[in-house]
Amino acid sequence: MTPEQQKAKELVERFYMFTWTAVKAASNADAKQCALICVDEIDKELSYSFLFNDKRRIFYRNVKQEIQKL
């Protein structure tokens, strides 16, 4: 399995429990949880690279705080 395939599988599995509930009754909490997962994934990926990523990581950490406030 390629890294891209593995990441795709991981994300689908993580979103699975939120998407089926969203179909039954969409909620802001589900959308926030999905957004937080995405931001966490972006932050994790940026942590692997040392080139010009400090500003991006700060940006996404701030985005995460804003999502939590919604």
Protein backbone atom coordinates (compact mmCIF):
# COMPACT_ATOMS: atom_id res chain seq x y z
CA MET A 1 0.00 0.00 0.00
CA THR A 2 1.40 3.40 -0.95
CA PRO A 3 1.63 6.18 1.63
CA GLU A 4 -1.12 8.03 -0.25
CA GLN A 5 -3.41 5.02 -0.10
CA GLN A 6 -2.69 4.50 3.57
CA LYS A 7 -3.48 8.14 4.39
CA ALA A 8 -6.70 7.96 2.35
CA LYS A 9 -7.79 4.84 4.22
CA GLU A 10 -6.92 6.37 7.58
CA LEU A 11 -8.92 9.54 6.87
CA VAL A 12 -11.94 7.63 5.59
CA GLU A 13 -11.94 5.45 8.70
CA ARG A 14 -11.65 8.50 10.96
CA PHE A 15 -14.53 10.30 9.25
CA TYR A 16 -16.76 7.24 8.95
CA MET A 17 -18.46 7.54 12.32
CA PHE A 18 -19.21 11.23 11.70
CA THR A 19 -20.50 10.97 8.16
CA TRP A 20 -23.19 8.40 8.86
CA THR A 21 -24.55 10.49 11.72
CA ALA A 22 -24.40 13.61 9.54
CA VAL A 23 -26.62 11.91 6.97
CA LYS A 24 -29.22 11.09 9.63
CA ALA A 25 -29.08 14.49 11.31
CA ALA A 26 -26.40 16.93 10.27
CA SER A 27 -24.99 18.84 13.18
CA ASN A 28 -22.49 21.61 13.69
CA ALA A 29 -20.65 19.42 16.21
CA ASP A 30 -19.98 16.79 13.54
CA ALA A 31 -18.69 19.40 11.13
CA LYS A 32 -16.44 20.86 13.80
CA GLN A 33 -15.04 17.45 14.67
CA CYS A 34 -14.24 16.76 11.01
CA ALA A 35 -12.56 20.14 10.65
CA LEU A 36 -10.49 19.53 13.78
CA ILE A 37 -9.35 16.18 12.44
CA CYS A 38 -8.25 17.87 9.20
CA VAL A 39 -6.34 20.57 11.04
CA ASP A 40 -4.64 17.97 13.22
CA GLU A 41 -3.59 16.06 10.12
CA ILE A 42 -2.18 19.19 8.49
CA ASP A 43 -0.26 20.07 11.65
CA LYS A 44 1.13 16.55 11.90
CA GLU A 45 2.30 16.60 8.28
CA LEU A 46 3.91 20.01 8.70
CA SER A 47 5.82 18.76 11.73
CA TYR A 48 7.72 16.33 9.48
CA SER A 49 9.20 19.11 7.37
CA PHE A 50 11.50 21.76 8.76
CA LEU A 51 11.46 24.20 5.84
CA PHE A 52 9.27 27.30 6.34
CA ASN A 53 6.63 25.44 8.30
CA ASP A 54 6.72 27.26 11.63
CA LYS A 55 4.40 30.02 10.40
CA ARG A 56 2.07 27.49 8.82
CA ARG A 57 1.92 25.42 12.01
CA ILE A 58 1.13 28.53 14.07
CA PHE A 59 -1.56 29.45 11.54
CA TYR A 60 -3.22 26.03 11.75
CA ARG A 61 -3.01 25.96 15.52
CA ASN A 62 -4.82 29.28 15.53
CA VAL A 63 -7.36 27.90 13.08
CA LYS A 64 -7.94 25.00 15.47
CA GLN A 65 -8.62 27.42 18.33
CA GLU A 66 -11.10 29.30 16.16
CA ILE A 67 -12.91 26.13 15.20
CA GLN A 68 -13.26 25.23 18.86
CA LYS A 69 -14.84 28.63 19.54
CA LEU A 70 -17.55 28.13 16.90
